Amino acid sequence: MGRTAAALGYPLDRAKAQALLALSADAPLRVRLTLGAQGDMACETAPLPPAAPVWRLALAVARLDPADIWLRHKTTQRGIYDRARAALPAGVDEWLFLNSRDEVCEGTITTIFVQTADGAHVTPPLACGLLPGILRARLLAQGWQERVLDMGDLARARQIWVGNALRGLIPAQLVTPGSAGVA
């Protein structure tokens, strides 16, 4: 939030943010902290439902523009993702977005991670057009690498995961339109 606030020129009161995030709960929660242009903040919580043990990924029709600055900041300007997520068909847990160069980017709420055919643990670079997520940063700090990926790389991958800071790494598999009921 600090990086995006600085980039957009929004004032950020870190102490206020910490106070809003000081929650206690008996069950896992999804927490959303938003920051307005004048420094106003809001915190929303919701129960975190359990996730499927393996997520099924289908290829999104829409393509991302790798030059779009909004793809590099976690904001409420998520129209393409929200519309896609609302249209998830039965049998699909997440959409996989490519950019206009047919490079793998990310999901609607997840980053993609791959163990490649050569055994490397990789995730797409930010230049492909994706969020610099918290889980992504942690895995890169642990030695994962950035690599431009295409659908051929995913087809040859030893393992595919999607993930975010909320859920961690989730094993994933690509599904074809026929098997997922996707038109």
N, C-alpha and C. Protein backbone atom coordinates (compact mmCIF):
# COMPACT_ATOMS: atom_id res chain seq x y z
N MET A 1 0.83 -1.18 0.00
CA MET A 1 0.00 0.00 0.00
C MET A 1 0.88 1.25 0.00
N GLY A 2 1.98 1.20 0.74
CA GLY A 2 2.87 2.35 0.80
C GLY A 2 3.44 2.72 -0.55
N ARG A 3 3.86 1.72 -1.33
CA ARG A 3 4.43 1.96 -2.65
C ARG A 3 3.40 2.59 -3.58
N THR A 4 2.19 2.05 -3.58
CA THR A 4 1.15 2.58 -4.45
C THR A 4 0.71 3.97 -3.98
N ALA A 5 0.59 4.18 -2.67
CA ALA A 5 0.22 5.51 -2.16
C ALA A 5 1.25 6.55 -2.60
N ALA A 6 2.52 6.20 -2.50
CA ALA A 6 3.57 7.13 -2.92
C ALA A 6 3.49 7.40 -4.42
N ALA A 7 3.27 6.35 -5.21
CA ALA A 7 3.20 6.51 -6.67
C ALA A 7 2.02 7.38 -7.09
N LEU A 8 0.91 7.28 -6.36
CA LEU A 8 -0.29 8.04 -6.71
C LEU A 8 -0.39 9.37 -5.97
N GLY A 9 0.53 9.63 -5.05
CA GLY A 9 0.50 10.88 -4.30
C GLY A 9 -0.56 10.91 -3.22
N TYR A 10 -0.96 9.75 -2.71
CA TYR A 10 -1.97 9.68 -1.65
C TYR A 10 -1.28 9.71 -0.29
N PRO A 11 -1.77 10.50 0.66
CA PRO A 11 -1.18 10.47 2.00
C PRO A 11 -1.55 9.16 2.70
N LEU A 12 -0.58 8.57 3.39
CA LEU A 12 -0.81 7.31 4.09
C LEU A 12 -0.38 7.44 5.54
N ASP A 13 -1.32 7.28 6.45
CA ASP A 13 -1.04 7.27 7.89
C ASP A 13 -0.85 5.81 8.29
N ARG A 14 0.41 5.40 8.40
CA ARG A 14 0.72 3.99 8.68
C ARG A 14 0.19 3.55 10.04
N ALA A 15 0.22 4.43 11.02
CA ALA A 15 -0.29 4.08 12.35
C ALA A 15 -1.79 3.80 12.30
N LYS A 16 -2.51 4.62 11.54
CA LYS A 16 -3.95 4.40 11.40
C LYS A 16 -4.22 3.08 10.68
N ALA A 17 -3.43 2.79 9.66
CA ALA A 17 -3.59 1.52 8.94
C ALA A 17 -3.35 0.34 9.88
N GLN A 18 -2.31 0.42 10.69
CA GLN A 18 -2.01 -0.66 11.64
C GLN A 18 -3.14 -0.83 12.64
N ALA A 19 -3.69 0.28 13.11
CA ALA A 19 -4.80 0.21 14.07
C ALA A 19 -6.03 -0.45 13.43
N LEU A 20 -6.32 -0.10 12.19
CA LEU A 20 -7.46 -0.71 11.51
C LEU A 20 -7.26 -2.20 11.28
N LEU A 21 -6.02 -2.60 11.12
CA LEU A 21 -5.73 -4.01 10.84
C LEU A 21 -5.56 -4.86 12.10
N ALA A 22 -5.60 -4.24 13.26
CA ALA A 22 -5.43 -4.98 14.52
C ALA A 22 -6.72 -5.71 14.86
N LEU A 23 -6.93 -6.82 14.18
CA LEU A 23 -8.15 -7.60 14.34
C LEU A 23 -7.85 -8.88 15.09
N SER A 24 -8.86 -9.38 15.76
CA SER A 24 -8.76 -10.73 16.29
C SER A 24 -10.03 -11.46 15.87
N ALA A 25 -9.86 -12.72 15.54
CA ALA A 25 -11.01 -13.50 15.07
C ALA A 25 -10.81 -14.95 15.43
N ASP A 26 -11.92 -15.65 15.54
CA ASP A 26 -11.88 -17.07 15.84
C ASP A 26 -11.77 -17.91 14.57
N ALA A 27 -12.01 -17.32 13.43
CA ALA A 27 -11.96 -18.04 12.16
C ALA A 27 -11.17 -17.19 11.16
N PRO A 28 -10.63 -17.82 10.12
CA PRO A 28 -9.90 -17.05 9.10
C PRO A 28 -10.79 -16.00 8.46
N LEU A 29 -10.20 -14.82 8.23
CA LEU A 29 -10.92 -13.71 7.61
C LEU A 29 -10.18 -13.21 6.39
N ARG A 30 -10.94 -12.73 5.44
CA ARG A 30 -10.40 -11.97 4.33
C ARG A 30 -10.52 -10.51 4.75
N VAL A 31 -9.42 -9.76 4.68
CA VAL A 31 -9.40 -8.37 5.11
C VAL A 31 -9.08 -7.48 3.91
N ARG A 32 -9.83 -6.41 3.77
CA ARG A 32 -9.60 -5.45 2.68
C ARG A 32 -9.46 -4.06 3.29
N LEU A 33 -8.27 -3.50 3.17
CA LEU A 33 -7.99 -2.14 3.63
C LEU A 33 -7.86 -1.26 2.40
N THR A 34 -8.68 -0.22 2.32
CA THR A 34 -8.62 0.69 1.18
C THR A 34 -8.17 2.07 1.63
N LEU A 35 -7.49 2.76 0.73
CA LEU A 35 -6.98 4.10 0.98
C LEU A 35 -7.50 5.03 -0.10
N GLY A 36 -8.14 6.13 0.31
CA GLY A 36 -8.66 7.11 -0.64
C GLY A 36 -7.63 8.18 -0.95
N ALA A 37 -7.91 8.98 -1.95
CA ALA A 37 -6.99 10.01 -2.42
C ALA A 37 -6.66 11.04 -1.35
N GLN A 38 -7.57 11.26 -0.39
CA GLN A 38 -7.33 12.24 0.68
C GLN A 38 -6.75 11.59 1.93
N GLY A 39 -6.42 10.31 1.86
CA GLY A 39 -5.86 9.61 3.02
C GLY A 39 -6.90 8.90 3.86
N ASP A 40 -8.17 8.97 3.46
CA ASP A 40 -9.22 8.27 4.21
C ASP A 40 -9.06 6.76 4.00
N MET A 41 -9.34 6.01 5.07
CA MET A 41 -9.18 4.56 5.02
C MET A 41 -10.45 3.87 5.46
N ALA A 42 -10.63 2.66 4.93
CA ALA A 42 -11.74 1.80 5.35
C ALA A 42 -11.21 0.38 5.42
N CYS A 43 -11.73 -0.36 6.39
CA CYS A 43 -11.33 -1.76 6.55
C CYS A 43 -12.59 -2.62 6.55
N GLU A 44 -12.61 -3.62 5.68
CA GLU A 44 -13.74 -4.55 5.59
C GLU A 44 -13.21 -5.95 5.84
N THR A 45 -14.02 -6.77 6.50
CA THR A 45 -13.65 -8.17 6.71
C THR A 45 -14.80 -9.07 6.25
N ALA A 46 -14.44 -10.27 5.89
CA ALA A 46 -15.42 -11.28 5.50
C ALA A 46 -14.83 -12.65 5.82
N PRO A 47 -15.67 -13.62 6.11
CA PRO A 47 -15.14 -14.97 6.34
C PRO A 47 -14.39 -15.47 5.11
N LEU A 48 -13.37 -16.26 5.35
CA LEU A 48 -12.59 -16.85 4.27
C LEU A 48 -13.06 -18.29 4.08
N PRO A 49 -13.82 -18.55 3.02
CA PRO A 49 -14.28 -19.92 2.80
C PRO A 49 -13.12 -20.83 2.42
N PRO A 50 -13.23 -22.11 2.73
CA PRO A 50 -12.15 -23.02 2.35
C PRO A 50 -12.02 -23.10 0.83
N ALA A 51 -10.80 -23.31 0.38
CA ALA A 51 -10.53 -23.40 -1.06
C ALA A 51 -10.44 -24.86 -1.48
N ALA A 52 -10.71 -25.12 -2.74
CA ALA A 52 -10.51 -26.46 -3.29
C ALA A 52 -9.03 -26.81 -3.19
N PRO A 53 -8.69 -28.08 -3.01
CA PRO A 53 -7.28 -28.46 -2.87
C PRO A 53 -6.47 -28.27 -4.15
N VAL A 54 -7.11 -28.36 -5.30
CA VAL A 54 -6.47 -28.11 -6.59
C VAL A 54 -7.41 -27.19 -7.38
N TRP A 55 -6.87 -26.08 -7.87
CA TRP A 55 -7.70 -25.15 -8.64
C TRP A 55 -7.58 -25.46 -10.12
N ARG A 56 -8.72 -25.37 -10.79
CA ARG A 56 -8.77 -25.57 -12.24
C ARG A 56 -8.74 -24.21 -12.93
N LEU A 57 -7.77 -24.06 -13.83
CA LEU A 57 -7.56 -22.79 -14.53
C LEU A 57 -8.03 -22.90 -15.97
N ALA A 58 -8.72 -21.88 -16.42
CA ALA A 58 -9.09 -21.78 -17.83
C ALA A 58 -8.55 -20.46 -18.37
N LEU A 59 -8.28 -20.45 -19.64
CA LEU A 59 -7.71 -19.28 -20.29
C LEU A 59 -8.78 -18.21 -20.50
N ALA A 60 -8.53 -17.01 -20.00
CA ALA A 60 -9.44 -15.88 -20.19
C ALA A 60 -9.36 -15.41 -21.64
N VAL A 61 -10.48 -14.97 -22.17
CA VAL A 61 -10.51 -14.44 -23.54
C VAL A 61 -9.86 -13.06 -23.59
N ALA A 62 -10.15 -12.22 -22.61
CA ALA A 62 -9.59 -10.86 -22.58
C ALA A 62 -8.07 -10.93 -22.41
N ARG A 63 -7.38 -9.99 -23.02
CA ARG A 63 -5.92 -9.89 -22.90
C ARG A 63 -5.57 -8.63 -22.13
N LEU A 64 -4.50 -8.71 -21.36
CA LEU A 64 -4.02 -7.56 -20.59
C LEU A 64 -3.02 -6.77 -21.41
N ASP A 65 -2.97 -5.47 -21.15
CA ASP A 65 -2.00 -4.59 -21.80
C ASP A 65 -0.81 -4.46 -20.84
N PRO A 66 0.36 -4.99 -21.20
CA PRO A 66 1.49 -4.95 -20.27
C PRO A 66 1.95 -3.53 -19.93
N ALA A 67 1.56 -2.54 -20.71
CA ALA A 67 1.94 -1.15 -20.44
C ALA A 67 0.95 -0.44 -19.50
N ASP A 68 -0.14 -1.09 -19.15
CA ASP A 68 -1.16 -0.48 -18.29
C ASP A 68 -0.63 -0.32 -16.87
N ILE A 69 -0.45 0.92 -16.44
CA ILE A 69 0.12 1.19 -15.11
C ILE A 69 -0.74 0.63 -13.99
N TRP A 70 -2.06 0.53 -14.20
CA TRP A 70 -2.95 0.04 -13.15
C TRP A 70 -2.73 -1.43 -12.84
N LEU A 71 -2.10 -2.16 -13.75
CA LEU A 71 -1.81 -3.56 -13.48
C LEU A 71 -0.67 -3.73 -12.48
N ARG A 72 0.08 -2.66 -12.23
CA ARG A 72 1.23 -2.74 -11.33
C ARG A 72 0.90 -2.27 -9.91
N HIS A 73 -0.34 -1.85 -9.69
CA HIS A 73 -0.76 -1.34 -8.38
C HIS A 73 -2.06 -2.00 -7.97
N LYS A 74 -2.13 -2.42 -6.72
CA LYS A 74 -3.37 -3.02 -6.23
C LYS A 74 -4.32 -1.89 -5.87
N THR A 75 -5.31 -1.70 -6.73
CA THR A 75 -6.28 -0.63 -6.55
C THR A 75 -7.68 -1.21 -6.72
N THR A 76 -8.67 -0.34 -6.61
CA THR A 76 -10.05 -0.78 -6.85
C THR A 76 -10.39 -0.73 -8.34
N GLN A 77 -9.45 -0.32 -9.18
CA GLN A 77 -9.67 -0.30 -10.64
C GLN A 77 -9.37 -1.68 -11.19
N ARG A 78 -10.30 -2.60 -10.98
CA ARG A 78 -10.13 -4.01 -11.32
C ARG A 78 -11.23 -4.52 -12.24
N GLY A 79 -11.77 -3.66 -13.08
CA GLY A 79 -12.92 -4.05 -13.89
C GLY A 79 -12.74 -5.33 -14.67
N ILE A 80 -11.63 -5.48 -15.37
CA ILE A 80 -11.43 -6.67 -16.18
C ILE A 80 -11.41 -7.93 -15.32
N TYR A 81 -10.81 -7.82 -14.13
CA TYR A 81 -10.73 -8.98 -13.23
C TYR A 81 -12.09 -9.28 -12.59
N ASP A 82 -12.77 -8.23 -12.15
CA ASP A 82 -14.06 -8.44 -11.49
C ASP A 82 -15.10 -9.03 -12.44
N ARG A 83 -15.12 -8.53 -13.68
CA ARG A 83 -16.06 -9.08 -14.67
C ARG A 83 -15.75 -10.54 -14.96
N ALA A 84 -14.48 -10.85 -15.11
CA ALA A 84 -14.10 -12.24 -15.39
C ALA A 84 -14.43 -13.14 -14.21
N ARG A 85 -14.14 -12.69 -13.01
CA ARG A 85 -14.39 -13.52 -11.82
C ARG A 85 -15.90 -13.78 -11.68
N ALA A 86 -16.71 -12.77 -11.96
CA ALA A 86 -18.17 -12.94 -11.86
C ALA A 86 -18.69 -13.93 -12.89
N ALA A 87 -17.94 -14.16 -13.96
CA ALA A 87 -18.39 -15.06 -15.03
C ALA A 87 -17.71 -16.42 -14.99
N LEU A 88 -17.10 -16.78 -13.86
CA LEU A 88 -16.46 -18.10 -13.78
C LEU A 88 -17.50 -19.20 -13.99
N PRO A 89 -17.28 -20.07 -14.95
CA PRO A 89 -18.24 -21.16 -15.16
C PRO A 89 -18.00 -22.30 -14.16
N ALA A 90 -18.97 -23.17 -14.05
CA ALA A 90 -18.81 -24.37 -13.22
C ALA A 90 -17.60 -25.14 -13.73
N GLY A 91 -16.83 -25.66 -12.81
CA GLY A 91 -15.66 -26.44 -13.19
C GLY A 91 -14.40 -25.63 -13.36
N VAL A 92 -14.46 -24.32 -13.14
CA VAL A 92 -13.29 -23.45 -13.23
C VAL A 92 -13.19 -22.65 -11.94
N ASP A 93 -12.00 -22.66 -11.34
CA ASP A 93 -11.77 -21.92 -10.10
C ASP A 93 -11.11 -20.56 -10.34
N GLU A 94 -10.42 -20.42 -11.46
CA GLU A 94 -9.69 -19.18 -11.72
C GLU A 94 -9.44 -19.04 -13.22
N TRP A 95 -9.48 -17.80 -13.69
CA TRP A 95 -9.10 -17.49 -15.06
C TRP A 95 -7.61 -17.21 -15.10
N LEU A 96 -6.98 -17.59 -16.17
CA LEU A 96 -5.58 -17.27 -16.42
C LEU A 96 -5.53 -16.24 -17.55
N PHE A 97 -4.94 -15.08 -17.25
CA PHE A 97 -4.84 -14.02 -18.24
C PHE A 97 -3.49 -14.06 -18.95
N LEU A 98 -3.54 -13.82 -20.24
CA LEU A 98 -2.35 -13.58 -21.05
C LEU A 98 -2.35 -12.09 -21.40
N ASN A 99 -1.19 -11.60 -21.81
CA ASN A 99 -1.15 -10.21 -22.28
C ASN A 99 -1.26 -10.17 -23.80
N SER A 100 -1.16 -8.99 -24.36
CA SER A 100 -1.30 -8.82 -25.80
C SER A 100 -0.16 -9.46 -26.58
N ARG A 101 0.91 -9.88 -25.89
CA ARG A 101 2.03 -10.59 -26.54
C ARG A 101 1.92 -12.10 -26.32
N ASP A 102 0.77 -12.56 -25.79
CA ASP A 102 0.53 -13.98 -25.49
C ASP A 102 1.45 -14.52 -24.40
N GLU A 103 1.89 -13.65 -23.50
CA GLU A 103 2.69 -14.06 -22.35
C GLU A 103 1.76 -14.28 -21.16
N VAL A 104 2.06 -15.28 -20.35
CA VAL A 104 1.28 -15.56 -19.14
C VAL A 104 1.44 -14.40 -18.17
N CYS A 105 0.31 -13.95 -17.58
CA CYS A 105 0.35 -12.84 -16.62
C CYS A 105 -0.05 -13.30 -15.22
N GLU A 106 -1.36 -13.42 -14.98
CA GLU A 106 -1.87 -13.72 -13.64
C GLU A 106 -3.32 -14.13 -13.73
N GLY A 107 -3.90 -14.45 -12.58
CA GLY A 107 -5.32 -14.76 -12.50
C GLY A 107 -6.08 -13.54 -12.00
N THR A 108 -7.37 -13.73 -11.75
CA THR A 108 -8.20 -12.62 -11.28
C THR A 108 -7.84 -12.22 -9.85
N ILE A 109 -7.46 -13.21 -9.03
CA ILE A 109 -7.10 -12.94 -7.63
C ILE A 109 -5.81 -13.64 -7.24
N THR A 110 -5.08 -14.15 -8.22
CA THR A 110 -3.88 -14.93 -7.92
C THR A 110 -2.73 -14.59 -8.86
N THR A 111 -1.55 -14.94 -8.40
CA THR A 111 -0.34 -14.93 -9.23
C THR A 111 -0.10 -16.36 -9.66
N ILE A 112 0.53 -16.54 -10.81
CA ILE A 112 0.85 -17.90 -11.27
C ILE A 112 2.31 -18.21 -11.01
N PHE A 113 2.54 -19.45 -10.60
CA PHE A 113 3.88 -19.95 -10.29
C PHE A 113 4.03 -21.30 -10.97
N VAL A 114 5.23 -21.59 -11.45
CA VAL A 114 5.44 -22.80 -12.24
C VAL A 114 6.77 -23.45 -11.87
N GLN A 115 6.78 -24.78 -11.81
CA GLN A 115 8.04 -25.51 -11.86
C GLN A 115 8.17 -25.95 -13.31
N THR A 116 9.16 -25.41 -13.99
CA THR A 116 9.31 -25.65 -15.42
C THR A 116 9.84 -27.05 -15.70
N ALA A 117 9.85 -27.40 -16.97
CA ALA A 117 10.35 -28.71 -17.39
C ALA A 117 11.80 -28.91 -16.97
N ASP A 118 12.58 -27.81 -16.88
CA ASP A 118 13.98 -27.94 -16.46
C ASP A 118 14.14 -27.86 -14.94
N GLY A 119 13.03 -27.82 -14.20
CA GLY A 119 13.08 -27.85 -12.74
C GLY A 119 13.13 -26.50 -12.05
N ALA A 120 13.21 -25.41 -12.81
CA ALA A 120 13.26 -24.07 -12.20
C ALA A 120 11.88 -23.69 -11.65
N HIS A 121 11.89 -22.95 -10.54
CA HIS A 121 10.66 -22.42 -9.96
C HIS A 121 10.56 -20.96 -10.39
N VAL A 122 9.52 -20.64 -11.17
CA VAL A 122 9.44 -19.32 -11.80
C VAL A 122 8.05 -18.71 -11.69
N THR A 123 8.02 -17.41 -11.90
CA THR A 123 6.79 -16.63 -11.99
C THR A 123 7.03 -15.55 -13.05
N PRO A 124 6.00 -15.08 -13.72
CA PRO A 124 6.22 -14.06 -14.76
C PRO A 124 6.80 -12.77 -14.19
N PRO A 125 7.61 -12.06 -14.99
CA PRO A 125 8.12 -10.76 -14.56
C PRO A 125 7.02 -9.69 -14.61
N LEU A 126 7.19 -8.65 -13.81
CA LEU A 126 6.20 -7.57 -13.76
C LEU A 126 5.99 -6.92 -15.13
N ALA A 127 7.02 -6.92 -15.96
CA ALA A 127 6.92 -6.30 -17.28
C ALA A 127 5.86 -6.97 -18.16
N CYS A 128 5.42 -8.17 -17.79
CA CYS A 128 4.35 -8.83 -18.55
C CYS A 128 3.00 -8.19 -18.28
N GLY A 129 2.87 -7.50 -17.14
CA GLY A 129 1.61 -6.83 -16.78
C GLY A 129 0.90 -7.56 -15.68
N LEU A 130 1.40 -7.47 -14.46
CA LEU A 130 0.80 -8.14 -13.32
C LEU A 130 1.15 -7.41 -12.03
N LEU A 131 0.42 -7.76 -10.98
CA LEU A 131 0.65 -7.15 -9.67
C LEU A 131 1.92 -7.68 -9.02
N PRO A 132 2.65 -6.81 -8.31
CA PRO A 132 3.78 -7.27 -7.52
C PRO A 132 3.29 -7.77 -6.16
N GLY A 133 2.67 -8.94 -6.14
CA GLY A 133 2.03 -9.46 -4.94
C GLY A 133 2.98 -9.81 -3.82
N ILE A 134 2.43 -9.92 -2.62
CA ILE A 134 3.21 -10.23 -1.42
C ILE A 134 3.77 -11.64 -1.49
N LEU A 135 2.95 -12.63 -1.83
CA LEU A 135 3.44 -14.01 -1.95
C LEU A 135 4.53 -14.08 -3.01
N ARG A 136 4.32 -13.42 -4.12
CA ARG A 136 5.31 -13.39 -5.20
C ARG A 136 6.65 -12.85 -4.70
N ALA A 137 6.60 -11.74 -3.98
CA ALA A 137 7.83 -11.14 -3.45
C ALA A 137 8.54 -12.09 -2.48
N ARG A 138 7.76 -12.77 -1.64
CA ARG A 138 8.36 -13.73 -0.70
C ARG A 138 9.06 -14.87 -1.43
N LEU A 139 8.40 -15.41 -2.45
CA LEU A 139 9.00 -16.53 -3.18
C LEU A 139 10.23 -16.09 -3.97
N LEU A 140 10.19 -14.90 -4.55
CA LEU A 140 11.38 -14.39 -5.24
C LEU A 140 12.54 -14.22 -4.26
N ALA A 141 12.25 -13.75 -3.05
CA ALA A 141 13.29 -13.59 -2.03
C ALA A 141 13.87 -14.94 -1.60
N GLN A 142 13.08 -16.00 -1.76
CA GLN A 142 13.54 -17.35 -1.41
C GLN A 142 14.25 -18.04 -2.58
N GLY A 143 14.43 -17.35 -3.69
CA GLY A 143 15.19 -17.92 -4.79
C GLY A 143 14.40 -18.28 -6.04
N TRP A 144 13.08 -18.11 -6.01
CA TRP A 144 12.32 -18.32 -7.25
C TRP A 144 12.79 -17.27 -8.26
N GLN A 145 12.59 -17.54 -9.52
CA GLN A 145 13.07 -16.66 -10.58
C GLN A 145 11.91 -16.09 -11.39
N GLU A 146 12.19 -14.97 -12.03
CA GLU A 146 11.24 -14.40 -12.99
C GLU A 146 11.60 -14.94 -14.37
N ARG A 147 10.56 -15.31 -15.11
CA ARG A 147 10.77 -15.78 -16.48
C ARG A 147 9.50 -15.55 -17.27
N VAL A 148 9.65 -15.04 -18.48
CA VAL A 148 8.50 -14.90 -19.38
C VAL A 148 8.03 -16.31 -19.72
N LEU A 149 6.72 -16.53 -19.56
CA LEU A 149 6.11 -17.84 -19.81
C LEU A 149 5.04 -17.72 -20.88
N ASP A 150 4.90 -18.77 -21.68
CA ASP A 150 3.79 -18.83 -22.62
C ASP A 150 3.01 -20.11 -22.35
N MET A 151 1.97 -20.34 -23.11
CA MET A 151 1.13 -21.51 -22.88
C MET A 151 1.90 -22.81 -23.10
N GLY A 152 2.88 -22.81 -23.99
CA GLY A 152 3.71 -23.99 -24.18
C GLY A 152 4.49 -24.33 -22.92
N ASP A 153 4.99 -23.30 -22.23
CA ASP A 153 5.70 -23.54 -20.97
C ASP A 153 4.77 -24.18 -19.95
N LEU A 154 3.52 -23.73 -19.90
CA LEU A 154 2.57 -24.31 -18.95
C LEU A 154 2.25 -25.76 -19.32
N ALA A 155 2.13 -26.03 -20.61
CA ALA A 155 1.83 -27.40 -21.05
C ALA A 155 2.97 -28.35 -20.68
N ARG A 156 4.21 -27.85 -20.67
CA ARG A 156 5.37 -28.68 -20.35
C ARG A 156 5.75 -28.65 -18.88
N ALA A 157 5.09 -27.82 -18.09
CA ALA A 157 5.47 -27.62 -16.68
C ALA A 157 5.34 -28.91 -15.88
N ARG A 158 6.26 -29.07 -14.93
CA ARG A 158 6.15 -30.18 -13.98
C ARG A 158 5.03 -29.93 -12.98
N GLN A 159 4.85 -28.66 -12.61
CA GLN A 159 3.82 -28.30 -11.63
C GLN A 159 3.41 -26.86 -11.88
N ILE A 160 2.12 -26.58 -11.68
CA ILE A 160 1.58 -25.22 -11.76
C ILE A 160 0.90 -24.95 -10.43
N TRP A 161 1.11 -23.75 -9.92
CA TRP A 161 0.41 -23.28 -8.73
C TRP A 161 -0.17 -21.90 -9.04
N VAL A 162 -1.22 -21.55 -8.33
CA VAL A 162 -1.67 -20.17 -8.24
C VAL A 162 -1.62 -19.83 -6.76
N GLY A 163 -1.58 -18.55 -6.46
CA GLY A 163 -1.55 -18.21 -5.05
C GLY A 163 -1.60 -16.73 -4.82
N ASN A 164 -1.80 -16.41 -3.55
CA ASN A 164 -1.76 -15.03 -3.08
C ASN A 164 -1.42 -15.06 -1.60
N ALA A 165 -1.24 -13.89 -1.01
CA ALA A 165 -0.85 -13.83 0.39
C ALA A 165 -1.92 -14.41 1.31
N LEU A 166 -3.16 -14.36 0.89
CA LEU A 166 -4.26 -14.86 1.70
C LEU A 166 -4.29 -16.38 1.76
N ARG A 167 -4.12 -17.03 0.64
CA ARG A 167 -4.27 -18.49 0.55
C ARG A 167 -2.96 -19.26 0.43
N GLY A 168 -1.87 -18.58 0.13
CA GLY A 168 -0.62 -19.29 -0.11
C GLY A 168 -0.64 -19.95 -1.48
N LEU A 169 0.25 -20.93 -1.67
CA LEU A 169 0.33 -21.63 -2.95
C LEU A 169 -0.74 -22.71 -3.03
N ILE A 170 -1.43 -22.76 -4.15
CA ILE A 170 -2.48 -23.75 -4.39
C ILE A 170 -2.12 -24.51 -5.67
N PRO A 171 -1.99 -25.83 -5.61
CA PRO A 171 -1.75 -26.57 -6.85
C PRO A 171 -2.87 -26.28 -7.86
N ALA A 172 -2.49 -26.22 -9.13
CA ALA A 172 -3.47 -25.88 -10.17
C ALA A 172 -3.23 -26.72 -11.41
N GLN A 173 -4.29 -26.85 -12.19
CA GLN A 173 -4.19 -27.55 -13.48
C GLN A 173 -4.99 -26.79 -14.51
N LEU A 174 -4.49 -26.81 -15.74
CA LEU A 174 -5.21 -26.18 -16.84
C LEU A 174 -6.32 -27.10 -17.29
N VAL A 175 -7.47 -26.51 -17.57
CA VAL A 175 -8.58 -27.28 -18.12
C VAL A 175 -8.91 -26.71 -19.49
N THR A 176 -9.36 -27.57 -20.36
CA THR A 176 -9.72 -27.13 -21.71
C THR A 176 -11.17 -26.69 -21.72
N PRO A 177 -11.56 -25.89 -22.67
CA PRO A 177 -12.94 -25.42 -22.70
C PRO A 177 -13.97 -26.55 -22.61
N GLY A 178 -13.75 -27.65 -23.30
CA GLY A 178 -14.71 -28.75 -23.27
C GLY A 178 -14.84 -29.38 -21.90
N SER A 179 -13.71 -29.54 -21.20
CA SER A 179 -13.77 -30.21 -19.90
C SER A 179 -14.29 -29.31 -18.81
N ALA A 180 -14.22 -27.99 -19.02
CA ALA A 180 -14.65 -27.05 -17.98
C ALA A 180 -16.01 -26.45 -18.28
N GLY A 181 -16.55 -26.73 -19.43
CA GLY A 181 -17.82 -26.13 -19.80
C GLY A 181 -17.67 -24.67 -20.19
N VAL A 182 -16.47 -24.26 -20.58
CA VAL A 182 -16.20 -22.87 -20.95
C VAL A 182 -16.44 -22.72 -22.44
N ALA A 183 -17.19 -21.69 -22.81
CA ALA A 183 -17.47 -21.46 -24.24
C ALA A 183 -16.29 -20.78 -24.92
